[in-house]
Amino acid sequence: HARWSAGTVEKLPQVDEHGRSNIPGLYIVGDLTGIPLLKFSADTGARAVQHIAADQRLQRHRQNDEEVRDIAIIGAGISGMSAALEARRQGLSFALFEATEAFSTVVNFPKGKPIYTYPTDMVPAGELRFNAEVKEPLVADLIAQTLEQGIVPQNVRVEKIERRGDVFELVIPDRDNLVARRVVVGIGRSGNFRKLG
């Protein structure tokens, strides 16, 4: 086997322990942080929002402009939904965007697939929990914790994120752009993360 090249390792974005990227105010969570496990994805989403909520600069800017969202969350998978739940818990204004369907990676697993939520003793930050070990009941449980509790994504594709001074403008085709103070990208590797730059 060692005689054949296995290809190159795909580069992932570099982030710190809070999910911060090299662009101030832009966080990357979930599978793109390098660990493709459900509990870690949920943990990174909630922890990024906790870090955002603790930022005193965000608190000062919130008083200046009510039309700007505190957080734009791109991707309604495990990490994005966890981030949205935490944003609601923290009292932050947010918008959640999803190009396909909520939890699409898990939804597209084969029928009856066992889901291992490792590490078993880990309790992720935030509110999202994993109580089932097979795809269908897991998806139903995730929907009950999020969609049925009012965490509903806007079904659109965000094409671009542009920095505009202290805020970000999200470019959304055929709709008004959205402006947010912070952005959380939780698109996973099935999203088009190669465009991140």
Protein backbone atom coordinates (compact mmCIF):
# COMPACT_ATOMS: atom_id res chain seq x y z
CA HIS A 1 0.00 0.00 0.00
CA ALA A 2 2.83 2.40 0.76
CA ARG A 3 3.86 2.33 -2.93
CA TRP A 4 0.83 4.35 -4.03
CA SER A 5 0.22 7.92 -3.16
CA ALA A 6 -2.93 8.56 -1.15
CA GLY A 7 -3.22 12.10 -2.51
CA THR A 8 -2.81 15.33 -0.66
CA VAL A 9 -4.48 16.25 2.59
CA GLU A 10 -7.11 18.90 1.97
CA LYS A 11 -6.32 22.14 3.75
CA LEU A 12 -8.86 23.22 6.34
CA PRO A 13 -9.25 26.73 7.71
CA GLN A 14 -7.07 27.56 10.70
CA VAL A 15 -9.01 28.54 13.80
CA ASP A 16 -8.25 28.98 17.48
CA GLU A 17 -9.95 27.22 20.41
CA HIS A 18 -12.96 29.57 20.12
CA GLY A 19 -13.43 29.02 16.37
CA ARG A 20 -11.98 32.43 15.47
CA SER A 21 -10.46 32.62 12.00
CA ASN A 22 -7.79 35.03 10.81
CA ILE A 23 -10.61 37.45 9.92
CA PRO A 24 -11.74 39.26 13.09
CA GLY A 25 -15.40 38.51 13.79
CA LEU A 26 -15.60 35.46 11.51
CA TYR A 27 -15.81 32.09 13.26
CA ILE A 28 -15.61 28.61 11.76
CA VAL A 29 -17.21 25.68 13.57
CA GLY A 30 -18.07 22.03 13.10
CA ASP A 31 -16.46 19.61 10.70
CA LEU A 32 -14.25 22.33 9.20
CA THR A 33 -12.35 22.54 12.48
CA GLY A 34 -10.91 19.11 11.70
CA ILE A 35 -12.80 16.66 13.93
CA PRO A 36 -15.81 15.11 12.15
CA LEU A 37 -17.71 13.97 15.25
CA LEU A 38 -21.22 15.13 16.13
CA LYS A 39 -20.50 16.04 19.74
CA PHE A 40 -17.45 18.09 18.77
CA SER A 41 -19.46 19.89 16.09
CA ALA A 42 -22.16 20.82 18.60
CA ASP A 43 -19.51 21.87 21.11
CA THR A 44 -17.69 24.17 18.67
CA GLY A 45 -20.92 25.88 17.59
CA ALA A 46 -22.03 26.65 21.15
CA ARG A 47 -18.55 27.68 22.32
CA ALA A 48 -18.08 30.12 19.43
CA VAL A 49 -21.34 31.87 20.35
CA GLN A 50 -20.39 31.91 24.04
CA HIS A 51 -17.16 33.63 23.05
CA ILE A 52 -19.05 36.13 20.90
CA ALA A 53 -21.55 36.86 23.69
CA ALA A 54 -18.71 37.59 26.14
CA ASP A 55 -17.10 40.13 23.77
CA GLN A 56 -17.53 43.62 25.26
CA ARG A 57 -17.05 45.24 21.84
CA LEU A 58 -20.13 43.42 20.58
CA GLN A 59 -22.13 44.69 23.56
CA ARG A 60 -21.13 48.31 22.84
CA HIS A 61 -22.00 48.02 19.12
CA ARG A 62 -25.37 46.40 19.86
CA GLN A 63 -26.61 49.65 21.37
CA ASN A 64 -25.83 51.62 18.21
CA ASP A 65 -27.81 49.80 15.50
CA GLU A 66 -30.85 47.57 16.03
CA GLU A 67 -31.14 46.67 12.31
CA VAL A 68 -27.84 44.78 12.27
CA ARG A 69 -28.00 41.17 13.50
CA ASP A 70 -25.58 40.18 16.21
CA ILE A 71 -24.73 36.91 14.45
CA ALA A 72 -25.28 35.40 11.01
CA ILE A 73 -24.97 31.61 11.11
CA ILE A 74 -24.30 29.89 7.80
CA GLY A 75 -25.22 26.21 7.81
CA ALA A 76 -27.99 24.48 9.76
CA GLY A 77 -26.20 21.25 10.51
CA ILE A 78 -25.13 20.13 13.95
CA SER A 79 -22.72 23.01 14.59
CA GLY A 80 -24.95 25.71 13.10
CA MET A 81 -28.03 24.58 15.01
CA SER A 82 -26.01 24.38 18.21
CA ALA A 83 -24.79 27.93 17.57
CA ALA A 84 -28.37 29.12 16.95
CA LEU A 85 -29.63 27.52 20.17
CA GLU A 86 -26.82 29.21 22.10
CA ALA A 87 -27.46 32.57 20.42
CA ARG A 88 -31.10 32.39 21.48
CA ARG A 89 -30.10 31.39 25.01
CA GLN A 90 -27.68 34.33 25.19
CA GLY A 91 -30.34 36.78 23.94
CA LEU A 92 -28.43 37.62 20.75
CA SER A 93 -30.21 38.48 17.51
CA PHE A 94 -29.32 36.01 14.79
CA ALA A 95 -30.18 34.76 11.33
CA LEU A 96 -29.63 31.13 10.35
CA PHE A 97 -29.11 30.15 6.71
CA GLU A 98 -29.14 26.72 5.06
CA ALA A 99 -28.75 25.98 1.34
CA THR A 100 -30.36 22.51 1.39
CA GLU A 101 -32.11 21.18 4.51
CA ALA A 102 -31.48 21.20 8.23
CA PHE A 103 -29.07 18.47 9.36
CA SER A 104 -28.54 17.48 5.71
CA THR A 105 -25.37 15.46 6.34
CA VAL A 106 -27.08 13.26 8.94
CA VAL A 107 -30.33 13.13 6.93
CA ASN A 108 -28.36 11.80 3.94
CA PHE A 109 -26.77 8.94 5.89
CA PRO A 110 -27.99 5.50 4.74
CA LYS A 111 -31.28 4.24 6.18
CA GLY A 112 -30.87 2.59 9.58
CA LYS A 113 -27.23 3.69 9.95
CA PRO A 114 -25.89 3.35 13.49
CA ILE A 115 -24.63 6.72 14.76
CA TYR A 116 -21.83 6.65 17.28
CA THR A 117 -21.73 9.77 19.42
CA TYR A 118 -18.15 9.61 20.60
CA PRO A 119 -16.62 10.35 22.99
CA THR A 120 -19.34 8.74 25.09
CA ASP A 121 -18.47 10.60 28.31
CA MET A 122 -18.34 14.05 26.63
CA VAL A 123 -21.15 16.53 27.23
CA PRO A 124 -20.89 19.25 24.58
CA ALA A 125 -21.34 22.90 25.46
CA GLY A 126 -24.75 24.33 24.68
CA GLU A 127 -28.20 22.75 24.59
CA LEU A 128 -28.04 20.25 21.70
CA ARG A 129 -27.99 16.65 22.92
CA PHE A 130 -27.65 13.27 21.22
CA ASN A 131 -30.05 10.71 22.63
CA ALA A 132 -30.41 8.18 19.80
CA GLU A 133 -27.95 5.80 18.17
CA VAL A 134 -29.61 5.16 14.79
CA LYS A 135 -30.11 7.71 12.00
CA GLU A 136 -33.91 8.03 11.91
CA PRO A 137 -34.55 8.49 15.66
CA LEU A 138 -31.50 10.76 15.88
CA VAL A 139 -32.81 13.03 13.11
CA ALA A 140 -36.26 13.10 14.74
CA ASP A 141 -34.70 14.01 18.09
CA LEU A 142 -32.53 16.76 16.56
CA ILE A 143 -35.58 18.22 14.82
CA ALA A 144 -37.54 18.13 18.09
CA GLN A 145 -34.74 20.06 19.83
CA THR A 146 -34.42 22.72 17.13
CA LEU A 147 -36.99 23.14 14.34
CA GLU A 148 -39.90 22.27 16.62
CA GLN A 149 -38.55 24.77 19.16
CA GLY A 150 -38.53 27.65 16.69
CA ILE A 151 -34.95 27.44 15.40
CA VAL A 152 -35.81 27.52 11.70
CA PRO A 153 -33.23 28.37 9.02
CA GLN A 154 -33.89 30.57 6.04
CA ASN A 155 -33.60 28.28 3.04
CA VAL A 156 -31.12 30.28 0.92
CA ARG A 157 -27.53 30.03 -0.20
CA VAL A 158 -25.16 32.70 1.05
CA GLU A 159 -22.84 33.40 -1.88
CA LYS A 160 -20.33 35.71 -0.27
CA ILE A 161 -19.37 37.41 2.98
CA GLU A 162 -17.90 40.90 2.67
CA ARG A 163 -16.33 42.88 5.49
CA ARG A 164 -17.73 46.43 5.74
CA GLY A 165 -15.88 48.21 8.56
CA ASP A 166 -17.06 46.68 11.84
CA VAL A 167 -19.78 44.52 10.25
CA PHE A 168 -20.19 41.82 7.62
CA GLU A 169 -22.54 41.91 4.67
CA LEU A 170 -23.85 38.56 3.50
CA VAL A 171 -24.57 38.46 -0.22
CA ILE A 172 -27.70 36.42 -0.90
CA PRO A 173 -28.91 36.03 -4.52
CA ASP A 174 -32.41 37.39 -5.29
CA ARG A 175 -32.83 38.79 -1.77
CA ASP A 176 -31.74 41.76 0.26
CA ASN A 177 -28.30 41.28 1.75
CA LEU A 178 -28.06 40.83 5.50
CA VAL A 179 -25.70 42.74 7.77
CA ALA A 180 -24.31 41.15 10.95
CA ARG A 181 -21.71 42.00 13.56
CA ARG A 182 -20.30 38.46 13.66
CA VAL A 183 -20.48 35.47 11.33
CA VAL A 184 -20.37 31.79 12.25
CA VAL A 185 -19.62 29.45 9.33
CA GLY A 186 -20.78 25.90 9.97
CA ILE A 187 -21.09 24.52 6.45
CA GLY A 188 -19.07 21.35 6.94
CA ARG A 189 -17.03 19.71 4.26
CA SER A 190 -20.06 18.98 2.13
CA GLY A 191 -20.55 22.75 1.75
CA ASN A 192 -18.43 24.75 -0.67
CA PHE A 193 -15.75 25.65 1.87
CA ARG A 194 -13.03 25.91 -0.78
CA LYS A 195 -14.40 29.37 -1.58
CA LEU A 196 -13.50 30.62 1.92
CA GLY A 197 -10.02 31.68 0.91
